[in-house]
Amino acid sequence: MRAPQVLIPFDKREAIPLVSAAKLAGRSEATLRTWCNSHFIGRRVAGGPWCVSRVALAMLLDGDAAALRAYHSGDRHGPTVSAYYQRLGLSPVLRDWKRVSACAPNAGGWPDFGPNCG
């Protein structure tokens, strides 16, 4: 089993700081750190401070274990997960990922932003 896919691919529009997530959830920062480790709703990006997925946090707060499992598996476009992106005003994130994933990677492994991918 691979590691939970939290904030992968990373997009700053989905990520919120730990302190903001704690305020949103009405819990302490310590509780949110525990949730990040036990429920995989956030991660430390490049060894920096904790970033919490707005989407995963909403799933956890809603008690939607099925959606959270789908999110952890890497699903971002299925109806269960995409509904959370839409609800949180993050539909542009999904559109951008679809556009980029439709572009063929170049020799360096990065998407080729040709005329149809810019």
Protein backbone atom coordinates (compact mmCIF):
# COMPACT_ATOMS: atom_id res chain seq x y z
CA MET A 1 0.00 0.00 0.00
CA ARG A 2 1.39 3.40 -0.94
CA ALA A 3 1.46 6.38 1.37
CA PRO A 4 -1.70 8.51 1.56
CA GLN A 5 -1.69 11.10 -1.23
CA VAL A 6 -2.22 14.26 0.82
CA LEU A 7 -1.74 17.58 -0.99
CA ILE A 8 -0.36 15.64 -3.96
CA PRO A 9 -0.21 17.23 -6.41
CA PHE A 10 0.52 20.25 -4.25
CA ASP A 11 -1.48 23.39 -4.92
CA LYS A 12 -1.31 26.31 -2.51
CA ARG A 13 -5.00 27.04 -3.10
CA GLU A 14 -5.90 23.77 -1.34
CA ALA A 15 -3.40 24.11 1.53
CA ILE A 16 -3.95 26.17 4.66
CA PRO A 17 -1.60 26.75 7.60
CA LEU A 18 -2.06 24.67 10.73
CA VAL A 19 -3.23 27.67 12.76
CA SER A 20 -5.98 28.43 10.20
CA ALA A 21 -7.10 24.79 10.16
CA ALA A 22 -7.27 24.79 13.97
CA LYS A 23 -9.47 27.90 13.96
CA LEU A 24 -11.70 26.45 11.25
CA ALA A 25 -12.13 23.19 13.18
CA GLY A 26 -12.47 24.89 16.56
CA ARG A 27 -9.62 22.81 17.95
CA SER A 28 -6.08 23.46 19.17
CA GLU A 29 -3.03 23.43 16.93
CA ALA A 30 -1.81 20.38 18.86
CA THR A 31 -5.02 18.53 17.99
CA LEU A 32 -4.64 19.44 14.32
CA ARG A 33 -1.03 18.16 14.32
CA THR A 34 -2.31 14.90 15.81
CA TRP A 35 -5.02 14.71 13.13
CA CYS A 36 -2.41 15.34 10.42
CA ASN A 37 -0.44 12.35 11.67
CA SER A 38 -3.34 10.03 12.47
CA HIS A 39 -5.91 10.95 9.79
CA PHE A 40 -3.48 12.14 7.10
CA ILE A 41 -5.16 15.49 6.45
CA GLY A 42 -1.93 17.46 6.01
CA ARG A 43 1.78 17.20 5.56
CA ARG A 44 5.00 19.10 5.97
CA VAL A 45 6.00 20.27 2.52
CA ALA A 46 9.75 20.09 1.92
CA GLY A 47 10.39 19.91 5.67
CA GLY A 48 8.62 23.21 6.28
CA PRO A 49 5.63 23.96 8.49
CA TRP A 50 2.50 21.85 8.41
CA CYS A 51 0.09 22.47 5.53
CA VAL A 52 -3.44 21.11 5.94
CA SER A 53 -5.63 20.14 3.02
CA ARG A 54 -8.86 22.12 3.14
CA VAL A 55 -10.50 19.22 1.32
CA ALA A 56 -9.27 16.46 3.65
CA LEU A 57 -10.12 18.55 6.72
CA ALA A 58 -13.69 19.06 5.48
CA MET A 59 -14.03 15.32 4.87
CA LEU A 60 -12.79 14.56 8.38
CA LEU A 61 -15.06 17.14 10.00
CA ASP A 62 -18.02 15.80 8.00
CA GLY A 63 -17.20 12.25 9.12
CA ASP A 64 -17.01 11.17 5.48
CA ALA A 65 -14.56 8.28 5.80
CA ALA A 66 -15.30 6.98 2.28
CA ALA A 67 -14.42 10.33 0.70
CA LEU A 68 -11.27 10.62 2.82
CA ARG A 69 -10.16 7.11 1.75
CA ALA A 70 -10.73 8.06 -1.90
CA TYR A 71 -8.75 11.29 -1.40
CA HIS A 72 -5.90 9.36 0.23
CA SER A 73 -5.83 6.96 -2.73
CA GLY A 74 -5.15 9.89 -5.07
CA ASP A 75 -8.67 10.35 -6.42
CA ARG A 76 -9.27 14.01 -7.19
CA HIS A 77 -11.82 13.86 -10.02
CA GLY A 78 -14.32 11.20 -8.87
CA PRO A 79 -17.74 12.48 -7.82
CA THR A 80 -17.24 11.90 -4.09
CA VAL A 81 -13.98 13.86 -3.88
CA SER A 82 -14.64 16.49 -6.54
CA ALA A 83 -17.84 17.48 -4.69
CA TYR A 84 -15.64 18.70 -1.81
CA TYR A 85 -13.43 20.71 -4.17
CA GLN A 86 -16.56 22.31 -5.62
CA ARG A 87 -18.09 23.02 -2.21
CA LEU A 88 -14.90 24.73 -1.06
CA GLY A 89 -14.59 26.85 -4.20
CA LEU A 90 -11.61 24.85 -5.45
CA SER A 91 -13.03 23.74 -8.81
CA PRO A 92 -10.33 25.78 -10.64
CA VAL A 93 -7.71 23.55 -9.02
CA LEU A 94 -9.30 20.46 -10.58
CA ARG A 95 -9.60 22.16 -13.99
CA ASP A 96 -5.93 23.16 -13.88
CA TRP A 97 -4.83 19.62 -12.98
CA LYS A 98 -6.90 18.16 -15.83
CA ARG A 99 -5.38 20.62 -18.27
CA VAL A 100 -1.81 19.89 -17.14
CA SER A 101 -2.30 16.11 -16.99
CA ALA A 102 -3.57 16.18 -20.60
CA CYS A 103 -0.21 17.57 -21.71
CA ALA A 104 2.49 15.09 -22.61
CA PRO A 105 5.61 15.27 -20.42
CA ASN A 106 8.74 16.54 -22.12
CA ALA A 107 12.13 14.85 -21.88
CA GLY A 108 12.65 16.31 -18.39
CA GLY A 109 9.36 14.83 -17.14
CA TRP A 110 7.55 18.17 -16.95
CA PRO A 111 4.32 18.83 -18.86
CA ASP A 112 4.92 20.23 -22.32
CA PHE A 113 2.99 23.50 -22.32
CA GLY A 114 2.51 23.60 -26.07
CA PRO A 115 -0.26 25.44 -27.90
CA ASN A 116 -3.01 23.30 -26.32
CA CYS A 117 -1.52 23.22 -22.84
CA GLY A 118 -0.68 26.83 -22.02
